[in-house]
C-alpha atoms as a PDB file:
ATOM      1  CA  UNK A   1     101.117 101.357 113.730  1.00  0.00           C
ATOM      2  CA  UNK A   2     100.886 100.493 110.029  1.00  0.00           C
ATOM      3  CA  UNK A   3      99.470  97.394 108.389  1.00  0.00           C
ATOM      4  CA  UNK A   4     100.711  96.096 105.028  1.00  0.00           C
ATOM      5  CA  UNK A   5      98.289  94.476 102.604  1.00  0.00           C
ATOM      6  CA  UNK A   6      99.039  92.932  99.216  1.00  0.00           C
ATOM      7  CA  UNK A   7      96.575  92.516  96.373  1.00  0.00           C
ATOM      8  CA  UNK A   8      97.673  89.973  93.771  1.00  0.00           C
ATOM      9  CA  UNK A   9      95.603  89.819  90.588  1.00  0.00           C
ATOM     10  CA  UNK A  10      95.379  87.940  87.316  1.00  0.00           C
ATOM     11  CA  UNK A  11      95.814  89.417  83.832  1.00  0.00           C
ATOM     12  CA  UNK A  12      92.251  90.778  83.770  1.00  0.00           C
ATOM     13  CA  UNK A  13      92.981  93.574  86.248  1.00  0.00           C
ATOM     14  CA  UNK A  14      94.570  96.539  84.505  1.00  0.00           C
ATOM     15  CA  UNK A  15      95.962  99.744  85.948  1.00  0.00           C
ATOM     16  CA  UNK A  16      93.008 101.516  84.326  1.00  0.00           C
ATOM     17  CA  UNK A  17      90.673  99.315  86.402  1.00  0.00           C
ATOM     18  CA  UNK A  18      92.652 100.192  89.530  1.00  0.00           C
ATOM     19  CA  UNK A  19      92.539 103.888  88.641  1.00  0.00           C
ATOM     20  CA  UNK A  20      88.749 103.715  88.112  1.00  0.00           C
ATOM     21  CA  UNK A  21      88.287 101.918  91.428  1.00  0.00           C
ATOM     22  CA  UNK A  22      90.433 104.469  93.271  1.00  0.00           C
ATOM     23  CA  UNK A  23      88.477 107.364  91.770  1.00  0.00           C
ATOM     24  CA  UNK A  24      85.154 105.674  92.588  1.00  0.00           C
ATOM     25  CA  UNK A  25      86.315 105.039  96.169  1.00  0.00           C
ATOM     26  CA  UNK A  26      87.327 108.723  96.602  1.00  0.00           C
ATOM     27  CA  UNK A  27      91.084 108.206  96.834  1.00  0.00           C
ATOM     28  CA  UNK A  28      93.220 111.311  96.233  1.00  0.00           C
ATOM     29  CA  UNK A  29      96.360 112.359  94.352  1.00  0.00           C
ATOM     30  CA  UNK A  30      96.083 109.403  91.944  1.00  0.00           C
ATOM     31  CA  UNK A  31      99.030 109.246  89.560  1.00  0.00           C
ATOM     32  CA  UNK A  32      99.362 106.763  86.698  1.00  0.00           C
ATOM     33  CA  UNK A  33     102.852 106.709  85.208  1.00  0.00           C
ATOM     34  CA  UNK A  34     103.918 103.899  82.893  1.00  0.00           C
ATOM     35  CA  UNK A  35     103.183 100.614  84.628  1.00  0.00           C
ATOM     36  CA  UNK A  36     102.675 102.104  88.139  1.00  0.00           C
ATOM     37  CA  UNK A  37      99.786 103.859  89.855  1.00  0.00           C
ATOM     38  CA  UNK A  38      99.880 105.534  93.259  1.00  0.00           C
ATOM     39  CA  UNK A  39      97.327 107.268  95.414  1.00  0.00           C
ATOM     40  CA  UNK A  40      96.141 107.872  98.943  1.00  0.00           C
ATOM     41  CA  UNK A  41      92.986 107.984 100.997  1.00  0.00           C
ATOM     42  CA  UNK A  42      92.530 108.869 104.658  1.00  0.00           C
ATOM     43  CA  UNK A  43      94.619 106.253 106.454  1.00  0.00           C
ATOM     44  CA  UNK A  44      95.832 104.507 103.279  1.00  0.00           C
ATOM     45  CA  UNK A  45      98.567 104.620 100.643  1.00  0.00           C
ATOM     46  CA  UNK A  46      98.626 102.462  97.510  1.00  0.00           C
ATOM     47  CA  UNK A  47     101.337 101.552  95.020  1.00  0.00           C
ATOM     48  CA  UNK A  48     100.163  99.262  92.216  1.00  0.00           C
ATOM     49  CA  UNK A  49     102.379  97.855  89.499  1.00  0.00           C
ATOM     50  CA  UNK A  50     101.562  95.978  86.323  1.00  0.00           C
ATOM     51  CA  UNK A  51     104.186  93.265  85.946  1.00  0.00           C
ATOM     52  CA  UNK A  52     106.028  92.888  82.644  1.00  0.00           C
ATOM     53  CA  UNK A  53     106.255  89.126  83.152  1.00  0.00           C
ATOM     54  CA  UNK A  54     103.777  87.091  85.191  1.00  0.00           C
ATOM     55  CA  UNK A  55     104.869  85.858  88.599  1.00  0.00           C
ATOM     56  CA  UNK A  56     103.597  83.249  91.028  1.00  0.00           C
ATOM     57  CA  UNK A  57     101.155  84.168  93.773  1.00  0.00           C
ATOM     58  CA  UNK A  58     103.020  84.805  97.023  1.00  0.00           C
ATOM     59  CA  UNK A  59     100.046  84.616  99.414  1.00  0.00           C
ATOM     60  CA  UNK A  60     100.297  81.471 101.523  1.00  0.00           C
ATOM     61  CA  UNK A  61      96.553  80.659 101.467  1.00  0.00           C
ATOM     62  CA  UNK A  62      94.987  80.925  98.007  1.00  0.00           C
ATOM     63  CA  UNK A  63      91.581  79.343  98.701  1.00  0.00           C
ATOM     64  CA  UNK A  64      92.227  77.160  95.676  1.00  0.00           C
ATOM     65  CA  UNK A  65      92.837  80.045  93.290  1.00  0.00           C
ATOM     66  CA  UNK A  66      95.753  79.522  90.944  1.00  0.00           C
ATOM     67  CA  UNK A  67      96.647  82.140  88.372  1.00  0.00           C
ATOM     68  CA  UNK A  68      99.743  83.907  87.115  1.00  0.00           C
ATOM     69  CA  UNK A  69     100.053  87.254  88.889  1.00  0.00           C
ATOM     70  CA  UNK A  70     100.111  90.194  86.473  1.00  0.00           C
ATOM     71  CA  UNK A  71      99.354  92.990  88.924  1.00  0.00           C
ATOM     72  CA  UNK A  72     100.541  93.631  92.468  1.00  0.00           C
ATOM     73  CA  UNK A  73      99.151  96.340  94.749  1.00  0.00           C
ATOM     74  CA  UNK A  74     100.948  97.247  97.939  1.00  0.00           C
ATOM     75  CA  UNK A  75      98.506  98.928 100.315  1.00  0.00           C
ATOM     76  CA  UNK A  76      99.642 100.458 103.591  1.00  0.00           C
ATOM     77  CA  UNK A  77      96.976 101.131 106.203  1.00  0.00           C
ATOM     78  CA  UNK A  78      98.078 103.718 108.720  1.00  0.00           C
ATOM     79  CA  UNK A  79      94.804 103.681 110.640  1.00  0.00           C
ATOM     80  CA  UNK A  80      93.489 100.162 111.320  1.00  0.00           C
ATOM     81  CA  UNK A  81      89.925 101.408 111.868  1.00  0.00           C
ATOM     82  CA  UNK A  82      89.533 102.978 108.408  1.00  0.00           C
ATOM     83  CA  UNK A  83      88.341  99.851 106.601  1.00  0.00           C
ATOM     84  CA  UNK A  84      85.428 101.602 104.862  1.00  0.00           C
ATOM     85  CA  UNK A  85      87.809 103.206 102.342  1.00  0.00           C
ATOM     86  CA  UNK A  86      89.544  99.882 101.738  1.00  0.00           C
ATOM     87  CA  UNK A  87      86.272  97.963 101.341  1.00  0.00           C
ATOM     88  CA  UNK A  88      84.908 100.590  98.941  1.00  0.00           C
ATOM     89  CA  UNK A  89      88.070 100.238  96.820  1.00  0.00           C
ATOM     90  CA  UNK A  90      87.691  96.435  96.649  1.00  0.00           C
ATOM     91  CA  UNK A  91      83.980  96.690  95.817  1.00  0.00           C
ATOM     92  CA  UNK A  92      84.850  99.147  93.046  1.00  0.00           C
ATOM     93  CA  UNK A  93      87.388  96.713  91.578  1.00  0.00           C
ATOM     94  CA  UNK A  94      84.730  94.017  91.664  1.00  0.00           C
ATOM     95  CA  UNK A  95      82.392  96.292  89.697  1.00  0.00           C
ATOM     96  CA  UNK A  96      84.938  97.408  87.080  1.00  0.00           C
ATOM     97  CA  UNK A  97      86.763  94.142  86.359  1.00  0.00           C
ATOM     98  CA  UNK A  98      86.235  90.404  86.013  1.00  0.00           C
ATOM     99  CA  UNK A  99      89.672  89.778  87.532  1.00  0.00           C
ATOM    100  CA  UNK A 100      90.396  87.151  90.132  1.00  0.00           C
ATOM    101  CA  UNK A 101      92.487  88.455  92.999  1.00  0.00           C
ATOM    102  CA  UNK A 102      93.658  87.823  96.548  1.00  0.00           C
ATOM    103  CA  UNK A 103      94.248  90.355  99.317  1.00  0.00           C
ATOM    104  CA  UNK A 104      96.504  89.270 102.147  1.00  0.00           C
ATOM    105  CA  UNK A 105      98.007  90.783 105.246  1.00  0.00           C
ATOM    106  CA  UNK A 106     101.783  90.563 104.766  1.00  0.00           C
ATOM    107  CA  UNK A 107     101.290  87.654 102.298  1.00  0.00           C
ATOM    108  CA  UNK A 108     100.475  85.422 105.301  1.00  0.00           C
ATOM    109  CA  UNK A 109      96.843  85.926 106.219  1.00  0.00           C
ATOM    110  CA  UNK A 110      94.232  85.920 103.468  1.00  0.00           C
ATOM    111  CA  UNK A 111      91.752  88.754 104.027  1.00  0.00           C
ATOM    112  CA  UNK A 112      89.697  88.849 100.777  1.00  0.00           C
ATOM    113  CA  UNK A 113      89.521  86.942  97.520  1.00  0.00           C
ATOM    114  CA  UNK A 114      87.607  87.296  94.308  1.00  0.00           C
ATOM    115  CA  UNK A 115      86.734  84.278  92.191  1.00  0.00           C
ATOM    116  CA  UNK A 116      84.002  83.428  89.698  1.00  0.00           C
ATOM    117  CA  UNK A 117      81.480  83.375  92.576  1.00  0.00           C
ATOM    118  CA  UNK A 118      82.206  86.934  93.729  1.00  0.00           C
ATOM    119  CA  UNK A 119      84.122  88.832  96.405  1.00  0.00           C
ATOM    120  CA  UNK A 120      84.638  86.984  99.689  1.00  0.00           C
ATOM    121  CA  UNK A 121      85.942  87.979 103.095  1.00  0.00           C
ATOM    122  CA  UNK A 122      87.956  85.531 105.201  1.00  0.00           C
END
């Protein structure tokens, strides 16, 4: 069984920030090409893309956050019990960037969000 997560971020989260966070969280086979970065960790795959033009947030529950989306990360979890790798990645993003972001399960259920008060878990 696989689970699909989506990270939607404002203009302050760059692909370089994502790359740094992936490296810090011990992800493997990280490839940055143009406006896309990919990588994997035990139980996870990631495909992140910097958008050429901002889009609206798709997540249904935004916890009051409203920002144009400049970066979208698709994260597939193949092992639902491997959250340590995922949490380490999010903590690394928090440390490397001031960006606001949302992480949802299939755009429906908000799992995490980052605002000016820090990283929160739903």
